[in-house]
N, C-alpha and C. Protein backbone atom coordinates (compact mmCIF):
# COMPACT_ATOMS: atom_id res chain seq x y z
N MET A 1 -46.27 14.38 3.43
CA MET A 1 -45.80 13.38 4.23
C MET A 1 -45.45 12.08 3.38
N LEU A 2 -45.96 11.64 2.42
CA LEU A 2 -45.78 10.46 1.75
C LEU A 2 -44.27 10.84 0.95
N LYS A 3 -44.32 12.16 0.40
CA LYS A 3 -42.98 12.44 -0.31
C LYS A 3 -41.70 12.42 0.58
N ALA A 4 -42.06 12.90 1.83
CA ALA A 4 -40.91 13.05 2.74
C ALA A 4 -40.49 11.41 3.22
N ASN A 5 -41.26 10.67 3.29
CA ASN A 5 -41.02 9.35 3.49
C ASN A 5 -40.19 8.57 2.27
N GLN A 6 -40.68 8.89 1.20
CA GLN A 6 -40.01 8.45 -0.10
C GLN A 6 -38.56 9.07 -0.26
N THR A 7 -38.61 10.28 0.12
CA THR A 7 -37.12 10.80 0.29
C THR A 7 -36.27 10.15 1.24
N SER A 8 -36.72 9.87 2.38
CA SER A 8 -36.17 9.30 3.51
C SER A 8 -35.60 7.78 3.13
N LEU A 9 -36.49 7.05 2.46
CA LEU A 9 -36.06 5.83 1.96
C LEU A 9 -35.11 5.74 0.84
N GLU A 10 -35.21 6.80 -0.06
CA GLU A 10 -34.12 6.84 -1.17
C GLU A 10 -32.79 7.11 -0.53
N LEU A 11 -32.89 8.25 0.40
CA LEU A 11 -31.45 8.57 1.11
C LEU A 11 -30.96 7.36 1.87
N LEU A 12 -31.81 6.55 2.51
CA LEU A 12 -31.29 5.38 3.15
C LEU A 12 -30.75 4.29 2.30
N ARG A 13 -31.33 4.06 1.01
CA ARG A 13 -30.93 3.26 0.05
C ARG A 13 -29.53 3.77 -0.44
N ASP A 14 -29.52 5.01 -0.81
CA ASP A 14 -28.35 5.76 -1.23
C ASP A 14 -27.24 5.51 -0.35
N LEU A 15 -27.38 5.68 1.07
CA LEU A 15 -26.43 5.33 2.24
C LEU A 15 -26.04 3.99 2.19
N ARG A 16 -26.81 2.89 2.18
CA ARG A 16 -26.36 1.69 2.20
C ARG A 16 -25.58 1.30 0.96
N ASN A 17 -25.85 1.83 -0.37
CA ASN A 17 -25.07 1.47 -1.46
C ASN A 17 -23.67 2.18 -1.30
N ASN A 18 -23.85 3.51 -0.58
CA ASN A 18 -22.29 4.14 -0.75
C ASN A 18 -21.47 3.41 0.43
N GLU A 19 -22.10 2.85 1.51
CA GLU A 19 -21.44 2.09 2.47
C GLU A 19 -20.83 0.77 1.83
N THR A 20 -21.60 0.20 1.02
CA THR A 20 -21.03 -1.09 0.40
C THR A 20 -20.01 -0.72 -0.66
N GLU A 21 -20.28 0.34 -1.33
CA GLU A 21 -19.23 0.63 -2.30
C GLU A 21 -17.92 1.18 -1.57
N LEU A 22 -17.85 1.81 -0.28
CA LEU A 22 -16.90 2.22 0.49
C LEU A 22 -16.09 0.78 0.94
N GLU A 23 -16.80 -0.09 1.39
CA GLU A 23 -16.09 -1.30 1.77
C GLU A 23 -15.50 -2.19 0.65
N ASN A 24 -15.99 -1.89 -0.59
CA ASN A 24 -15.53 -2.53 -1.77
C ASN A 24 -14.18 -1.98 -2.13
N LEU A 25 -14.23 -0.54 -2.07
CA LEU A 25 -12.89 0.27 -2.38
C LEU A 25 -11.98 -0.07 -1.42
N LYS A 26 -12.41 -0.17 -0.11
CA LYS A 26 -11.12 -0.33 0.85
C LYS A 26 -10.58 -1.86 0.67
N SER A 27 -11.31 -2.84 0.19
CA SER A 27 -10.98 -4.21 -0.16
C SER A 27 -9.97 -3.99 -1.27
N TYR A 28 -10.42 -3.19 -2.22
CA TYR A 28 -9.64 -3.03 -3.54
C TYR A 28 -8.13 -2.52 -3.04
N ILE A 29 -8.15 -1.32 -2.30
CA ILE A 29 -6.83 -0.72 -1.93
C ILE A 29 -6.07 -1.73 -1.32
N LEU A 30 -6.62 -2.53 -0.32
CA LEU A 30 -5.55 -3.37 0.23
C LEU A 30 -5.13 -4.52 -0.64
N ASP A 31 -6.07 -4.91 -1.65
CA ASP A 31 -5.48 -5.89 -2.55
C ASP A 31 -4.42 -5.34 -3.45
N LEU A 32 -4.65 -3.95 -3.93
CA LEU A 32 -3.58 -3.29 -4.58
C LEU A 32 -2.29 -3.10 -3.83
N LYS A 33 -2.34 -2.79 -2.53
CA LYS A 33 -1.19 -2.50 -1.74
C LYS A 33 -0.41 -3.90 -1.60
N SER A 34 -1.12 -5.05 -1.78
CA SER A 34 -0.34 -6.20 -1.50
C SER A 34 0.34 -6.64 -2.86
N LYS A 35 -0.10 -6.01 -3.94
CA LYS A 35 0.62 -6.37 -5.25
C LYS A 35 1.66 -5.29 -5.72
N VAL A 36 1.72 -4.08 -5.17
CA VAL A 36 2.48 -2.92 -5.39
C VAL A 36 4.03 -3.34 -4.92
N ALA A 37 5.00 -2.97 -5.84
CA ALA A 37 6.20 -3.36 -5.40
C ALA A 37 6.62 -2.29 -4.27
N VAL A 38 7.21 -2.97 -3.21
CA VAL A 38 7.43 -2.09 -1.86
C VAL A 38 8.74 -1.44 -2.02
N TYR A 39 9.74 -1.48 -3.00
CA TYR A 39 10.85 -0.87 -3.03
C TYR A 39 11.14 -0.60 -4.41
N ILE A 40 11.41 0.86 -4.66
CA ILE A 40 11.84 1.30 -6.07
C ILE A 40 13.24 1.71 -5.95
N PRO A 41 14.08 1.07 -6.79
CA PRO A 41 15.55 1.30 -6.74
C PRO A 41 15.70 2.59 -7.35
N VAL A 42 17.07 3.15 -7.10
CA VAL A 42 17.68 4.17 -7.77
C VAL A 42 18.14 3.59 -9.18
N LYS A 43 17.84 4.21 -10.29
CA LYS A 43 18.32 3.71 -11.63
C LYS A 43 19.67 3.85 -11.57
N GLY A 44 20.33 2.77 -12.03
CA GLY A 44 21.88 2.80 -12.34
C GLY A 44 22.63 2.48 -11.11
N ASP A 45 22.04 2.14 -10.05
CA ASP A 45 22.77 1.72 -8.85
C ASP A 45 22.43 0.34 -8.64
N SER A 46 23.48 -0.44 -9.07
CA SER A 46 23.32 -1.95 -9.26
C SER A 46 23.07 -2.56 -7.93
N ILE A 47 23.61 -2.01 -6.72
CA ILE A 47 23.39 -2.60 -5.37
C ILE A 47 21.97 -2.26 -4.95
N ASP A 48 21.38 -0.92 -5.24
CA ASP A 48 20.03 -0.58 -4.97
C ASP A 48 19.10 -1.48 -5.84
N GLU A 49 19.40 -1.92 -7.02
CA GLU A 49 18.61 -2.64 -7.89
C GLU A 49 18.65 -4.02 -7.32
N LYS A 50 19.60 -4.74 -7.12
CA LYS A 50 19.56 -5.84 -6.50
C LYS A 50 18.80 -6.01 -5.11
N LEU A 51 18.95 -5.16 -4.25
CA LEU A 51 18.26 -4.88 -2.86
C LEU A 51 16.68 -4.88 -3.22
N ALA A 52 16.37 -4.12 -4.28
CA ALA A 52 14.99 -3.94 -4.64
C ALA A 52 14.33 -5.23 -5.16
N GLU A 53 15.18 -5.88 -6.07
CA GLU A 53 14.76 -7.21 -6.53
C GLU A 53 14.70 -8.31 -5.37
N TYR A 54 15.27 -8.20 -4.42
CA TYR A 54 15.19 -9.10 -3.19
C TYR A 54 13.98 -8.78 -2.38
N ILE A 55 13.86 -7.46 -1.99
CA ILE A 55 12.66 -7.19 -1.23
C ILE A 55 11.42 -7.38 -1.93
N ASN A 56 11.36 -6.85 -3.25
CA ASN A 56 10.13 -7.00 -4.00
C ASN A 56 9.67 -8.43 -4.31
N ASN A 57 10.62 -9.41 -4.45
CA ASN A 57 10.25 -10.84 -4.46
C ASN A 57 10.31 -11.84 -3.20
N TYR A 58 10.49 -11.04 -2.08
CA TYR A 58 10.44 -11.76 -0.73
C TYR A 58 9.10 -12.29 -0.56
N PRO A 59 8.91 -13.67 -0.32
CA PRO A 59 7.84 -14.28 -0.40
C PRO A 59 6.68 -13.72 0.56
N GLU A 60 7.28 -13.38 1.73
CA GLU A 60 6.24 -12.78 2.79
C GLU A 60 6.46 -11.39 2.93
N ARG A 61 6.58 -10.46 1.78
CA ARG A 61 6.94 -9.11 2.17
C ARG A 61 5.94 -8.21 2.82
N GLN A 62 4.65 -8.90 2.88
CA GLN A 62 3.63 -8.16 3.63
C GLN A 62 4.06 -8.17 5.11
N LYS A 63 4.82 -9.13 5.49
CA LYS A 63 5.22 -9.22 6.86
C LYS A 63 6.58 -8.29 7.18
N LEU A 64 7.15 -7.74 6.16
CA LEU A 64 8.31 -6.83 6.36
C LEU A 64 7.64 -5.53 7.08
N LYS A 65 8.29 -5.22 8.44
CA LYS A 65 7.90 -4.10 8.99
C LYS A 65 8.83 -2.96 9.02
N ILE A 66 10.05 -3.24 8.65
CA ILE A 66 11.19 -2.36 8.47
C ILE A 66 11.61 -2.30 7.24
N MET A 67 11.83 -1.15 6.62
CA MET A 67 12.35 -1.01 5.33
C MET A 67 13.67 -0.34 5.30
N PHE A 68 14.47 -0.73 4.14
CA PHE A 68 15.69 -0.21 3.77
C PHE A 68 15.50 1.29 3.20
N LEU A 69 16.19 2.29 3.71
CA LEU A 69 16.09 3.63 3.22
C LEU A 69 17.60 4.08 2.71
N ARG A 70 17.71 4.15 1.51
CA ARG A 70 18.91 4.52 0.66
C ARG A 70 19.35 5.79 1.21
N GLU A 71 20.53 5.91 1.86
CA GLU A 71 21.22 7.33 2.07
C GLU A 71 22.12 7.83 0.97
N MET A 72 22.90 6.67 0.74
CA MET A 72 23.85 7.05 -0.56
C MET A 72 24.37 5.56 -1.20
N GLU A 73 25.00 5.70 -2.33
CA GLU A 73 25.36 4.38 -2.83
C GLU A 73 26.02 3.45 -1.77
N GLY A 74 25.39 2.23 -1.53
CA GLY A 74 25.90 1.19 -0.66
C GLY A 74 25.62 1.49 0.80
N VAL A 75 24.95 2.58 1.13
CA VAL A 75 24.60 2.89 2.44
C VAL A 75 23.36 3.15 2.75
N TYR A 76 22.70 2.36 3.78
CA TYR A 76 21.23 2.31 3.99
C TYR A 76 21.01 2.50 5.45
N SER A 77 19.74 2.98 5.88
CA SER A 77 19.08 2.84 6.93
C SER A 77 18.18 1.70 6.97
N PHE A 78 18.44 0.95 8.10
CA PHE A 78 17.50 -0.16 8.19
C PHE A 78 17.07 -0.08 9.44
N GLY A 79 15.75 0.48 9.92
CA GLY A 79 15.30 0.76 11.21
C GLY A 79 16.35 1.77 11.78
N SER A 80 16.75 1.63 12.87
CA SER A 80 17.58 2.60 13.48
C SER A 80 19.15 2.41 13.26
N ARG A 81 19.31 1.48 12.49
CA ARG A 81 20.93 1.03 12.15
C ARG A 81 21.18 1.46 10.65
N ARG A 82 22.56 1.73 10.76
CA ARG A 82 23.04 2.24 9.32
C ARG A 82 23.72 0.81 8.83
N VAL A 83 23.52 0.44 7.65
CA VAL A 83 24.14 -0.70 7.12
C VAL A 83 24.72 -0.33 5.90
N TYR A 84 25.94 -1.04 5.48
CA TYR A 84 26.71 -0.80 4.40
C TYR A 84 26.71 -2.08 3.51
N ILE A 85 26.17 -1.90 2.20
CA ILE A 85 26.01 -3.15 1.40
C ILE A 85 27.04 -3.01 0.24
């Protein structure tokens, strides 16, 4: 009986430690997401590179809900709209 109680206590302690580690990892992931560039340009496409520079340096980029999606050089989807840059 004593051994079963000790095992139960060890399992509970491990569970608490794992829950704490999980919360720490979630926080770390959110922190990384806020630091990662949100737009990677096509190399050699000067328009796409400038757009990426603008988006990645946007002061409140966490608030950006809609992203540009490059279709071809100078043509992008922005939400449901096609834009020409």
